[in-house]
Each structure stands twice: as structure tokens, then as C-alpha cells.
Amino acid sequence: MLSKDFDFESSLKELEKIATMLENEQISLEESIALFEKGVSLSNDCSKYLENAKQRIITLTNAEEESENNA
């Protein structure tokens, strides 16, 4: 479950930063593994957020269609 203070845009920027660091920087294996783990976690959180947003849109769209059909 995502916390209420989850910020999708900030998480996405952090994920991009991690990807760049993993691609371009000379870092130790341990640092690489830690960054990779954080990236996977951020990616999962972003995916959950997008799935929740999609479900909200579907719910709103269905409610609007129902309202129009009952009018």
C-alpha cells in the first residue's frame, strides 16, 4: 500500500537518477546492488500508483456512463 504522501513525479525522477548512476558511474558492487534494490522498489511503487489511477479513471468513466444511461 502506498503512503498518502507518495509523490509520483519525485519517485520517477529518483528512478531516472538511479538508472543514470547505474549506467554512467563507477560505483562499487555493493552500492550498485543497493541502488538497484531502491530502483526496483520505486518502480513497483510507481506501477501501483499508475494502476490505482487507471482504476479511478475506469470507475469515474463507468459512473458517468451509468448517469447518462439513467437520464
PDB file of N, CA and C in Angstrom:
ATOM      1  N   MET A   1       0.832  -1.176   0.000  1.00  0.00           N
ATOM      2  CA  MET A   1       0.000   0.000   0.000  1.00  0.00           C
ATOM      3  C   MET A   1       0.882   1.245   0.000  1.00  0.00           C
ATOM      4  N   LEU A   2       0.586   2.162  -0.875  1.00  0.00           N
ATOM      5  CA  LEU A   2       1.348   3.396  -0.956  1.00  0.00           C
ATOM      6  C   LEU A   2       0.921   4.346   0.151  1.00  0.00           C
ATOM      7  N   SER A   3       1.889   5.099   0.661  1.00  0.00           N
ATOM      8  CA  SER A   3       1.545   6.090   1.680  1.00  0.00           C
ATOM      9  C   SER A   3       0.823   7.258   1.028  1.00  0.00           C
ATOM     10  N   LYS A   4       0.083   8.001   1.837  1.00  0.00           N
ATOM     11  CA  LYS A   4      -0.682   9.132   1.316  1.00  0.00           C
ATOM     12  C   LYS A   4       0.215  10.238   0.789  1.00  0.00           C
ATOM     13  N   ASP A   5       1.462  10.294   1.276  1.00  0.00           N
ATOM     14  CA  ASP A   5       2.374  11.342   0.836  1.00  0.00           C
ATOM     15  C   ASP A   5       3.265  10.890  -0.331  1.00  0.00           C
ATOM     16  N   PHE A   6       2.901   9.778  -0.991  1.00  0.00           N
ATOM     17  CA  PHE A   6       3.658   9.309  -2.148  1.00  0.00           C
ATOM     18  C   PHE A   6       3.585  10.349  -3.256  1.00  0.00           C
ATOM     19  N   ASP A   7       4.724  10.681  -3.816  1.00  0.00           N
ATOM     20  CA  ASP A   7       4.803  11.669  -4.894  1.00  0.00           C
ATOM     21  C   ASP A   7       5.330  10.971  -6.144  1.00  0.00           C
ATOM     22  N   PHE A   8       4.441  10.743  -7.102  1.00  0.00           N
ATOM     23  CA  PHE A   8       4.799  10.011  -8.307  1.00  0.00           C
ATOM     24  C   PHE A   8       5.927  10.692  -9.074  1.00  0.00           C
ATOM     25  N   GLU A   9       5.810  12.000  -9.279  1.00  0.00           N
ATOM     26  CA  GLU A   9       6.811  12.716 -10.076  1.00  0.00           C
ATOM     27  C   GLU A   9       8.192  12.663  -9.427  1.00  0.00           C
ATOM     28  N   SER A  10       8.253  12.850  -8.113  1.00  0.00           N
ATOM     29  CA  SER A  10       9.536  12.780  -7.405  1.00  0.00           C
ATOM     30  C   SER A  10      10.115  11.371  -7.475  1.00  0.00           C
ATOM     31  N   SER A  11       9.266  10.387  -7.336  1.00  0.00           N
ATOM     32  CA  SER A  11       9.721   8.994  -7.404  1.00  0.00           C
ATOM     33  C   SER A  11      10.252   8.662  -8.787  1.00  0.00           C
ATOM     34  N   LEU A  12       9.579   9.154  -9.800  1.00  0.00           N
ATOM     35  CA  LEU A  12      10.028   8.904 -11.168  1.00  0.00           C
ATOM     36  C   LEU A  12      11.379   9.576 -11.428  1.00  0.00           C
ATOM     37  N   LYS A  13      11.552  10.803 -10.938  1.00  0.00           N
ATOM     38  CA  LYS A  13      12.836  11.488 -11.087  1.00  0.00           C
ATOM     39  C   LYS A  13      13.947  10.739 -10.363  1.00  0.00           C
ATOM     40  N   GLU A  14      13.653  10.248  -9.171  1.00  0.00           N
ATOM     41  CA  GLU A  14      14.635   9.477  -8.408  1.00  0.00           C
ATOM     42  C   GLU A  14      14.993   8.192  -9.149  1.00  0.00           C
ATOM     43  N   LEU A  15      14.012   7.556  -9.735  1.00  0.00           N
ATOM     44  CA  LEU A  15      14.251   6.339 -10.508  1.00  0.00           C
ATOM     45  C   LEU A  15      15.146   6.630 -11.710  1.00  0.00           C
ATOM     46  N   GLU A  16      14.904   7.739 -12.386  1.00  0.00           N
ATOM     47  CA  GLU A  16      15.747   8.135 -13.519  1.00  0.00           C
ATOM     48  C   GLU A  16      17.173   8.423 -13.065  1.00  0.00           C
ATOM     49  N   LYS A  17      17.314   9.067 -11.920  1.00  0.00           N
ATOM     50  CA  LYS A  17      18.637   9.365 -11.360  1.00  0.00           C
ATOM     51  C   LYS A  17      19.394   8.074 -11.051  1.00  0.00           C
ATOM     52  N   ILE A  18      18.694   7.117 -10.460  1.00  0.00           N
ATOM     53  CA  ILE A  18      19.308   5.830 -10.139  1.00  0.00           C
ATOM     54  C   ILE A  18      19.755   5.121 -11.413  1.00  0.00           C
ATOM     55  N   ALA A  19      18.915   5.122 -12.428  1.00  0.00           N
ATOM     56  CA  ALA A  19      19.270   4.474 -13.691  1.00  0.00           C
ATOM     57  C   ALA A  19      20.520   5.110 -14.291  1.00  0.00           C
ATOM     58  N   THR A  20      20.591   6.431 -14.262  1.00  0.00           N
ATOM     59  CA  THR A  20      21.760   7.136 -14.793  1.00  0.00           C
ATOM     60  C   THR A  20      23.007   6.776 -14.000  1.00  0.00           C
ATOM     61  N   MET A  21      22.887   6.743 -12.680  1.00  0.00           N
ATOM     62  CA  MET A  21      24.034   6.398 -11.839  1.00  0.00           C
ATOM     63  C   MET A  21      24.522   4.980 -12.131  1.00  0.00           C
ATOM     64  N   LEU A  22      23.594   4.063 -12.299  1.00  0.00           N
ATOM     65  CA  LEU A  22      23.978   2.684 -12.577  1.00  0.00           C
ATOM     66  C   LEU A  22      24.634   2.547 -13.948  1.00  0.00           C
ATOM     67  N   GLU A  23      24.207   3.359 -14.894  1.00  0.00           N
ATOM     68  CA  GLU A  23      24.755   3.283 -16.244  1.00  0.00           C
ATOM     69  C   GLU A  23      26.100   3.991 -16.389  1.00  0.00           C
ATOM     70  N   ASN A  24      26.272   5.125 -15.715  1.00  0.00           N
ATOM     71  CA  ASN A  24      27.394   6.001 -16.019  1.00  0.00           C
ATOM     72  C   ASN A  24      28.472   6.116 -14.952  1.00  0.00           C
ATOM     73  N   GLU A  25      28.197   5.734 -13.732  1.00  0.00           N
ATOM     74  CA  GLU A  25      29.139   5.994 -12.657  1.00  0.00           C
ATOM     75  C   GLU A  25      29.935   4.751 -12.287  1.00  0.00           C
ATOM     76  N   GLN A  26      31.131   5.032 -11.815  1.00  0.00           N
ATOM     77  CA  GLN A  26      31.985   3.966 -11.302  1.00  0.00           C
ATOM     78  C   GLN A  26      31.688   3.817  -9.813  1.00  0.00           C
ATOM     79  N   ILE A  27      30.807   2.887  -9.485  1.00  0.00           N
ATOM     80  CA  ILE A  27      30.444   2.657  -8.096  1.00  0.00           C
ATOM     81  C   ILE A  27      30.693   1.193  -7.759  1.00  0.00           C
ATOM     82  N   SER A  28      30.808   0.942  -6.467  1.00  0.00           N
ATOM     83  CA  SER A  28      31.100  -0.419  -6.030  1.00  0.00           C
ATOM     84  C   SER A  28      29.910  -1.341  -6.290  1.00  0.00           C
ATOM     85  N   LEU A  29      30.191  -2.618  -6.235  1.00  0.00           N
ATOM     86  CA  LEU A  29      29.143  -3.613  -6.420  1.00  0.00           C
ATOM     87  C   LEU A  29      28.065  -3.451  -5.351  1.00  0.00           C
ATOM     88  N   GLU A  30      28.469  -3.235  -4.107  1.00  0.00           N
ATOM     89  CA  GLU A  30      27.500  -3.067  -3.029  1.00  0.00           C
ATOM     90  C   GLU A  30      26.614  -1.847  -3.259  1.00  0.00           C
ATOM     91  N   GLU A  31      27.212  -0.740  -3.698  1.00  0.00           N
ATOM     92  CA  GLU A  31      26.424   0.454  -3.994  1.00  0.00           C
ATOM     93  C   GLU A  31      25.472   0.194  -5.156  1.00  0.00           C
ATOM     94  N   SER A  32      25.959  -0.522  -6.158  1.00  0.00           N
ATOM     95  CA  SER A  32      25.118  -0.856  -7.315  1.00  0.00           C
ATOM     96  C   SER A  32      23.922  -1.696  -6.897  1.00  0.00           C
ATOM     97  N   ILE A  33      24.162  -2.673  -6.039  1.00  0.00           N
ATOM     98  CA  ILE A  33      23.078  -3.541  -5.582  1.00  0.00           C
ATOM     99  C   ILE A  33      22.060  -2.731  -4.776  1.00  0.00           C
ATOM    100  N   ALA A  34      22.545  -1.858  -3.888  1.00  0.00           N
ATOM    101  CA  ALA A  34      21.643  -1.033  -3.082  1.00  0.00           C
ATOM    102  C   ALA A  34      20.809  -0.111  -3.970  1.00  0.00           C
ATOM    103  N   LEU A  35      21.449   0.502  -4.963  1.00  0.00           N
ATOM    104  CA  LEU A  35      20.712   1.369  -5.886  1.00  0.00           C
ATOM    105  C   LEU A  35      19.693   0.580  -6.690  1.00  0.00           C
ATOM    106  N   PHE A  36      20.088  -0.603  -7.132  1.00  0.00           N
ATOM    107  CA  PHE A  36      19.180  -1.453  -7.899  1.00  0.00           C
ATOM    108  C   PHE A  36      17.955  -1.817  -7.053  1.00  0.00           C
ATOM    109  N   GLU A  37      18.183  -2.197  -5.790  1.00  0.00           N
ATOM    110  CA  GLU A  37      17.065  -2.537  -4.907  1.00  0.00           C
ATOM    111  C   GLU A  37      16.127  -1.344  -4.721  1.00  0.00           C
ATOM    112  N   LYS A  38      16.701  -0.163  -4.520  1.00  0.00           N
ATOM    113  CA  LYS A  38      15.876   1.026  -4.369  1.00  0.00           C
ATOM    114  C   LYS A  38      15.099   1.299  -5.659  1.00  0.00           C
ATOM    115  N   GLY A  39      15.763   1.118  -6.797  1.00  0.00           N
ATOM    116  CA  GLY A  39      15.101   1.323  -8.082  1.00  0.00           C
ATOM    117  C   GLY A  39      13.937   0.379  -8.295  1.00  0.00           C
ATOM    118  N   VAL A  40      14.105  -0.870  -7.929  1.00  0.00           N
ATOM    119  CA  VAL A  40      13.025  -1.851  -8.058  1.00  0.00           C
ATOM    120  C   VAL A  40      11.852  -1.451  -7.172  1.00  0.00           C
ATOM    121  N   SER A  41      12.150  -1.021  -5.960  1.00  0.00           N
ATOM    122  CA  SER A  41      11.093  -0.590  -5.047  1.00  0.00           C
ATOM    123  C   SER A  41      10.346   0.629  -5.599  1.00  0.00           C
ATOM    124  N   LEU A  42      11.094   1.619  -6.092  1.00  0.00           N
ATOM    125  CA  LEU A  42      10.466   2.801  -6.678  1.00  0.00           C
ATOM    126  C   LEU A  42       9.628   2.431  -7.900  1.00  0.00           C
ATOM    127  N   SER A  43      10.153   1.551  -8.723  1.00  0.00           N
ATOM    128  CA  SER A  43       9.427   1.111  -9.916  1.00  0.00           C
ATOM    129  C   SER A  43       8.114   0.427  -9.527  1.00  0.00           C
ATOM    130  N   ASN A  44       8.164  -0.413  -8.512  1.00  0.00           N
ATOM    131  CA  ASN A  44       6.946  -1.084  -8.046  1.00  0.00           C
ATOM    132  C   ASN A  44       5.935  -0.076  -7.511  1.00  0.00           C
ATOM    133  N   ASP A  45       6.420   0.902  -6.737  1.00  0.00           N
ATOM    134  CA  ASP A  45       5.521   1.925  -6.203  1.00  0.00           C
ATOM    135  C   ASP A  45       4.882   2.741  -7.315  1.00  0.00           C
ATOM    136  N   CYS A  46       5.665   3.108  -8.316  1.00  0.00           N
ATOM    137  CA  CYS A  46       5.130   3.876  -9.442  1.00  0.00           C
ATOM    138  C   CYS A  46       4.092   3.060 -10.213  1.00  0.00           C
ATOM    139  N   SER A  47       4.369   1.785 -10.402  1.00  0.00           N
ATOM    140  CA  SER A  47       3.415   0.912 -11.091  1.00  0.00           C
ATOM    141  C   SER A  47       2.101   0.806 -10.323  1.00  0.00           C
ATOM    142  N   LYS A  48       2.196   0.667  -9.008  1.00  0.00           N
ATOM    143  CA  LYS A  48       0.987   0.606  -8.177  1.00  0.00           C
ATOM    144  C   LYS A  48       0.197   1.906  -8.280  1.00  0.00           C
ATOM    145  N   TYR A  49       0.903   3.016  -8.241  1.00  0.00           N
ATOM    146  CA  TYR A  49       0.250   4.313  -8.330  1.00  0.00           C
ATOM    147  C   TYR A  49      -0.499   4.443  -9.656  1.00  0.00           C
ATOM    148  N   LEU A  50       0.159   4.067 -10.758  1.00  0.00           N
ATOM    149  CA  LEU A  50      -0.473   4.149 -12.072  1.00  0.00           C
ATOM    150  C   LEU A  50      -1.661   3.204 -12.184  1.00  0.00           C
ATOM    151  N   GLU A  51      -1.557   2.027 -11.608  1.00  0.00           N
ATOM    152  CA  GLU A  51      -2.676   1.079 -11.639  1.00  0.00           C
ATOM    153  C   GLU A  51      -3.862   1.638 -10.852  1.00  0.00           C
ATOM    154  N   ASN A  52      -3.586   2.251  -9.702  1.00  0.00           N
ATOM    155  CA  ASN A  52      -4.652   2.877  -8.919  1.00  0.00           C
ATOM    156  C   ASN A  52      -5.301   4.018  -9.696  1.00  0.00           C
ATOM    157  N   ALA A  53      -4.482   4.825 -10.367  1.00  0.00           N
ATOM    158  CA  ALA A  53      -5.013   5.935 -11.164  1.00  0.00           C
ATOM    159  C   ALA A  53      -5.893   5.395 -12.294  1.00  0.00           C
ATOM    160  N   LYS A  54      -5.452   4.329 -12.927  1.00  0.00           N
ATOM    161  CA  LYS A  54      -6.229   3.716 -14.010  1.00  0.00           C
ATOM    162  C   LYS A  54      -7.582   3.238 -13.489  1.00  0.00           C
ATOM    163  N   GLN A  55      -7.588   2.597 -12.329  1.00  0.00           N
ATOM    164  CA  GLN A  55      -8.840   2.105 -11.760  1.00  0.00           C
ATOM    165  C   GLN A  55      -9.776   3.250 -11.401  1.00  0.00           C
ATOM    166  N   ARG A  56      -9.224   4.342 -10.891  1.00  0.00           N
ATOM    167  CA  ARG A  56     -10.055   5.507 -10.572  1.00  0.00           C
ATOM    168  C   ARG A  56     -10.695   6.072 -11.839  1.00  0.00           C
ATOM    169  N   ILE A  57      -9.934   6.136 -12.917  1.00  0.00           N
ATOM    170  CA  ILE A  57     -10.455   6.651 -14.185  1.00  0.00           C
ATOM    171  C   ILE A  57     -11.561   5.735 -14.717  1.00  0.00           C
ATOM    172  N   ILE A  58     -11.344   4.438 -14.634  1.00  0.00           N
ATOM    173  CA  ILE A  58     -12.358   3.472 -15.082  1.00  0.00           C
ATOM    174  C   ILE A  58     -13.632   3.633 -14.260  1.00  0.00           C
ATOM    175  N   THR A  59     -13.477   3.773 -12.946  1.00  0.00           N
ATOM    176  CA  THR A  59     -14.626   3.947 -12.065  1.00  0.00           C
ATOM    177  C   THR A  59     -15.391   5.216 -12.414  1.00  0.00           C
ATOM    178  N   LEU A  60     -14.671   6.313 -12.607  1.00  0.00           N
ATOM    179  CA  LEU A  60     -15.322   7.577 -12.957  1.00  0.00           C
ATOM    180  C   LEU A  60     -16.011   7.504 -14.315  1.00  0.00           C
ATOM    181  N   THR A  61     -15.359   6.882 -15.269  1.00  0.00           N
ATOM    182  CA  THR A  61     -15.934   6.741 -16.605  1.00  0.00           C
ATOM    183  C   THR A  61     -17.196   5.892 -16.559  1.00  0.00           C
ATOM    184  N   ASN A  62     -17.147   4.794 -15.808  1.00  0.00           N
ATOM    185  CA  ASN A  62     -18.323   3.928 -15.688  1.00  0.00           C
ATOM    186  C   ASN A  62     -19.464   4.652 -14.993  1.00  0.00           C
ATOM    187  N   ALA A  63     -19.147   5.438 -13.960  1.00  0.00           N
ATOM    188  CA  ALA A  63     -20.184   6.187 -13.245  1.00  0.00           C
ATOM    189  C   ALA A  63     -20.822   7.218 -14.177  1.00  0.00           C
ATOM    190  N   GLU A  64     -20.027   7.866 -14.996  1.00  0.00           N
ATOM    191  CA  GLU A  64     -20.536   8.861 -15.947  1.00  0.00           C
ATOM    192  C   GLU A  64     -21.437   8.189 -16.981  1.00  0.00           C
ATOM    193  N   GLU A  65     -21.025   7.038 -17.493  1.00  0.00           N
ATOM    194  CA  GLU A  65     -21.838   6.315 -18.474  1.00  0.00           C
ATOM    195  C   GLU A  65     -23.160   5.869 -17.853  1.00  0.00           C
ATOM    196  N   GLU A  66     -23.098   5.412 -16.603  1.00  0.00           N
ATOM    197  CA  GLU A  66     -24.313   4.992 -15.911  1.00  0.00           C
ATOM    198  C   GLU A  66     -25.269   6.163 -15.728  1.00  0.00           C
ATOM    199  N   SER A  67     -24.710   7.299 -15.380  1.00  0.00           N
ATOM    200  CA  SER A  67     -25.518   8.503 -15.180  1.00  0.00           C
ATOM    201  C   SER A  67     -26.204   8.923 -16.492  1.00  0.00           C
ATOM    202  N   GLU A  68     -25.462   8.837 -17.564  1.00  0.00           N
ATOM    203  CA  GLU A  68     -26.034   9.205 -18.874  1.00  0.00           C
ATOM    204  C   GLU A  68     -27.113   8.218 -19.294  1.00  0.00           C
ATOM    205  N   ASN A  69     -26.932   6.941 -19.003  1.00  0.00           N
ATOM    206  CA  ASN A  69     -27.924   5.925 -19.373  1.00  0.00           C
ATOM    207  C   ASN A  69     -29.193   6.025 -18.543  1.00  0.00           C
ATOM    208  N   ASN A  70     -29.089   6.531 -17.322  1.00  0.00           N
ATOM    209  CA  ASN A  70     -30.256   6.658 -16.447  1.00  0.00           C
ATOM    210  C   ASN A  70     -30.989   7.990 -16.640  1.00  0.00           C
ATOM    211  N   ALA A  71     -30.408   8.858 -17.414  1.00  0.00           N
ATOM    212  CA  ALA A  71     -31.027  10.184 -17.609  1.00  0.00           C
ATOM    213  C   ALA A  71     -32.126  10.164 -18.637  1.00  0.00           C
TER     214      ALA A  71
END
